[in-house]
Protein backbone atom coordinates (compact mmCIF):
# COMPACT_ATOMS: atom_id res chain seq x y z
CA MET A 1 18.90 1.14 -44.54
CA SER A 2 19.58 0.63 -40.85
CA CYS A 3 17.70 2.22 -37.99
CA ILE A 4 20.82 2.21 -35.81
CA ARG A 5 22.21 5.65 -35.15
CA PHE A 6 25.90 6.17 -34.54
CA ASN A 7 26.83 9.36 -32.69
CA THR A 8 30.27 10.84 -32.81
CA PRO A 9 32.14 11.38 -29.53
CA ALA A 10 31.47 15.12 -29.89
CA GLN A 11 27.73 14.51 -30.29
CA ARG A 12 27.64 12.20 -27.26
CA GLN A 13 29.49 14.83 -25.19
CA ALA A 14 27.04 17.53 -26.30
CA MET A 15 24.10 15.32 -25.31
CA ARG A 16 25.62 14.75 -21.85
CA GLU A 17 26.17 18.48 -21.37
CA HIS A 18 22.62 19.35 -22.35
CA SER A 19 20.78 16.56 -20.58
CA PRO A 20 18.08 17.70 -18.16
CA ALA A 21 18.72 17.54 -14.42
CA MET A 22 17.03 14.64 -12.67
CA LEU A 23 14.56 15.64 -9.97
CA THR A 24 14.11 13.84 -6.69
CA ALA A 25 10.64 12.49 -5.90
CA GLU A 26 10.12 15.34 -3.44
CA GLU A 27 11.09 17.98 -6.01
CA ALA A 28 8.79 16.45 -8.61
CA ALA A 29 5.93 16.33 -6.07
CA ALA A 30 6.50 19.98 -5.18
CA LEU A 31 6.27 20.93 -8.87
CA HIS A 32 3.07 18.92 -9.37
CA PRO A 33 1.00 19.03 -6.16
CA ALA A 34 -2.11 16.91 -5.85
CA PRO A 35 -5.38 18.76 -6.26
CA GLU A 36 -7.12 19.88 -3.09
CA PHE A 37 -9.54 17.37 -1.56
CA THR A 38 -12.94 19.03 -1.62
CA GLU A 39 -16.42 18.30 -0.31
CA SER A 40 -17.54 17.40 -3.84
CA LYS A 41 -14.78 14.78 -4.08
CA LEU A 42 -15.93 13.34 -0.76
CA ARG A 43 -19.52 13.15 -2.06
CA ARG A 44 -18.22 11.42 -5.19
CA LEU A 45 -16.36 8.82 -3.09
CA ARG A 46 -19.51 8.17 -1.06
CA LEU A 47 -21.54 7.71 -4.24
CA LEU A 48 -18.97 5.45 -5.89
CA ALA A 49 -18.66 3.29 -2.75
CA THR A 50 -22.20 2.04 -3.43
CA ASP A 51 -21.67 1.32 -7.13
CA PRO A 52 -22.74 -2.19 -8.20
CA ASN A 53 -19.43 -2.68 -10.03
CA PRO A 54 -16.85 -4.04 -7.56
CA LYS A 55 -13.99 -2.49 -9.57
CA ILE A 56 -15.45 0.96 -8.88
CA ARG A 57 -15.71 0.13 -5.16
CA GLU A 58 -12.08 -1.08 -5.28
CA ALA A 59 -11.07 2.35 -6.56
CA VAL A 60 -12.78 3.97 -3.56
CA ALA A 61 -11.14 1.46 -1.20
CA SER A 62 -7.74 2.34 -2.71
CA SER A 63 -8.10 6.09 -2.20
CA TYR A 64 -6.05 7.80 0.50
CA ASN A 65 -8.93 10.24 0.92
CA THR A 66 -11.55 7.64 1.80
CA PRO A 67 -13.14 8.49 5.16
CA GLU A 68 -13.17 5.97 8.00
CA ASP A 69 -16.88 5.18 7.74
CA LEU A 70 -16.44 4.19 4.09
CA PHE A 71 -13.38 2.08 4.93
CA LEU A 72 -15.54 0.28 7.50
CA ALA A 73 -18.35 -0.31 5.01
CA LEU A 74 -15.96 -1.48 2.28
CA ALA A 75 -14.14 -3.78 4.74
CA ASN A 76 -17.45 -5.67 4.98
CA ASP A 77 -18.04 -5.72 1.22
CA PRO A 78 -19.05 -9.13 -0.19
CA ASP A 79 -16.36 -8.82 -2.89
CA GLU A 80 -12.93 -10.13 -1.90
CA GLY A 81 -11.17 -7.66 -4.22
CA VAL A 82 -12.79 -4.68 -2.50
CA ARG A 83 -11.80 -5.96 0.96
CA GLY A 84 -8.29 -6.61 -0.37
CA CYS A 85 -8.00 -2.99 -1.52
CA VAL A 86 -9.04 -1.82 1.95
CA ALA A 87 -6.44 -4.17 3.48
CA LYS A 88 -3.56 -2.88 1.35
CA ASN A 89 -4.44 0.82 1.65
CA GLU A 90 -1.95 2.50 3.99
CA ALA A 91 -4.64 5.02 5.01
CA THR A 92 -6.88 2.28 6.45
CA PRO A 93 -7.33 2.74 10.21
CA CYS A 94 -5.65 0.15 12.44
CA ASP A 95 -8.93 -1.11 13.93
CA ILE A 96 -10.20 -1.97 10.46
CA LEU A 97 -6.93 -3.73 9.64
CA ARG A 98 -7.38 -5.71 12.88
CA SER A 99 -10.81 -6.89 11.75
CA LEU A 100 -9.54 -7.76 8.26
CA ALA A 101 -6.80 -9.92 9.80
CA SER A 102 -9.59 -12.41 10.56
CA ASP A 103 -11.17 -12.21 7.11
CA ARG A 104 -12.33 -15.49 5.56
CA SER A 105 -10.19 -14.78 2.49
CA GLU A 106 -6.55 -15.79 2.52
CA THR A 107 -5.87 -13.07 -0.07
CA VAL A 108 -7.31 -10.33 2.14
CA ARG A 109 -5.32 -11.54 5.15
CA GLY A 110 -2.22 -11.60 2.95
CA TRP A 111 -2.77 -7.95 1.99
CA VAL A 112 -3.14 -7.08 5.68
CA ALA A 113 0.17 -8.83 6.36
CA VAL A 114 2.07 -6.71 3.85
CA ASN A 115 0.42 -3.39 4.76
CA TYR A 116 3.12 -1.12 6.16
CA TYR A 117 0.93 0.20 8.99
CA VAL A 118 -0.29 -3.05 10.55
CA PRO A 119 -0.09 -3.01 14.36
CA ALA A 120 2.29 -5.43 16.07
CA ASP A 121 -0.51 -7.45 17.68
CA VAL A 122 -2.04 -8.07 14.26
CA MET A 123 1.31 -9.24 12.87
CA GLU A 124 1.56 -11.67 15.81
CA GLN A 125 -1.90 -12.99 14.94
CA LEU A 126 -1.04 -13.32 11.24
CA ALA A 127 2.25 -15.07 12.07
CA LYS A 128 0.06 -17.89 13.45
CA ASP A 129 -2.46 -17.82 10.56
CA ARG A 130 -3.83 -21.12 9.25
CA SER A 131 -2.61 -20.21 5.77
CA ARG A 132 0.97 -21.00 4.88
CA THR A 133 0.88 -18.17 2.33
CA VAL A 134 -0.07 -15.58 4.95
CA ARG A 135 2.61 -16.87 7.35
CA SER A 136 5.14 -16.69 4.49
CA LEU A 137 4.18 -13.06 3.79
CA VAL A 138 4.67 -12.21 7.47
CA LYS A 139 8.09 -13.85 7.36
CA TRP A 140 9.01 -12.06 4.12
CA LYS A 141 7.99 -8.71 5.58
CA ALA A 142 10.12 -9.40 8.66
CA GLN A 143 13.10 -10.24 6.46
CA LEU A 144 12.65 -6.93 4.63
CA ALA A 145 12.70 -5.15 7.98
CA GLU A 146 15.93 -6.91 8.91
CA GLU A 147 17.50 -5.99 5.57
CA GLN A 148 16.59 -2.34 6.16
CA GLY A 149 18.49 -2.34 9.42
CA ALA A 150 15.66 -3.59 11.65
CA GLU A 151 13.99 -0.21 11.39
CA GLY A 152 10.57 -1.83 11.89
CA VAL A 153 7.80 -2.45 9.43
CA GLY A 154 4.98 -0.11 10.35
CA ALA A 155 2.53 0.15 13.19
CA GLU A 156 3.78 3.63 14.03
CA ARG A 157 0.16 4.68 14.24
CA ALA A 158 -0.45 2.00 16.86
CA GLY A 159 2.51 3.11 18.94
CA ALA A 160 4.83 0.12 18.53
CA PRO A 161 6.77 -0.82 15.41
CA VAL A 162 6.59 -4.37 14.18
CA THR A 163 9.94 -6.00 14.67
CA ALA A 164 11.44 -8.87 12.78
CA ALA A 165 11.39 -11.03 15.92
CA VAL A 166 7.63 -10.58 16.32
CA ALA A 167 6.90 -11.25 12.67
CA LEU A 168 9.04 -14.39 12.54
CA ARG A 169 7.20 -16.26 15.27
CA PRO A 170 5.79 -19.55 13.94
């Protein structure tokens, strides 16, 4: 016995006619809003930020609701993975991203380079990084910006978008 199912043309047409409508991301988000961020959730983040397990601290560093003081503390965490999560979080303040651009870890600096909200001056710094990998990520990000019509690759919070020309400097 075969597990292959053969539908008749009439069955296929009926399935097309009765298929559910596809929702856009915005429509789906409107139907399923995120829970409200409460004071108890903030206390939980503060507690988890001090957990001895670095994976738990990474979860805090990855949260969009993490307050700035916790981002600052986690940016100085001894664990590279925690600092990397701070570097790739789009909610991380620009000043903290600036400090992470000088991190001793090539991986952390690489995550800073691909963060959408990195200020232009930081991208200039990373374009001259000692690591070929970090410089390659800066170049890749600039190429993405060019492919998207040179719309810029972040730094709106800092007031000046990163352009492909800035990111491609050797």
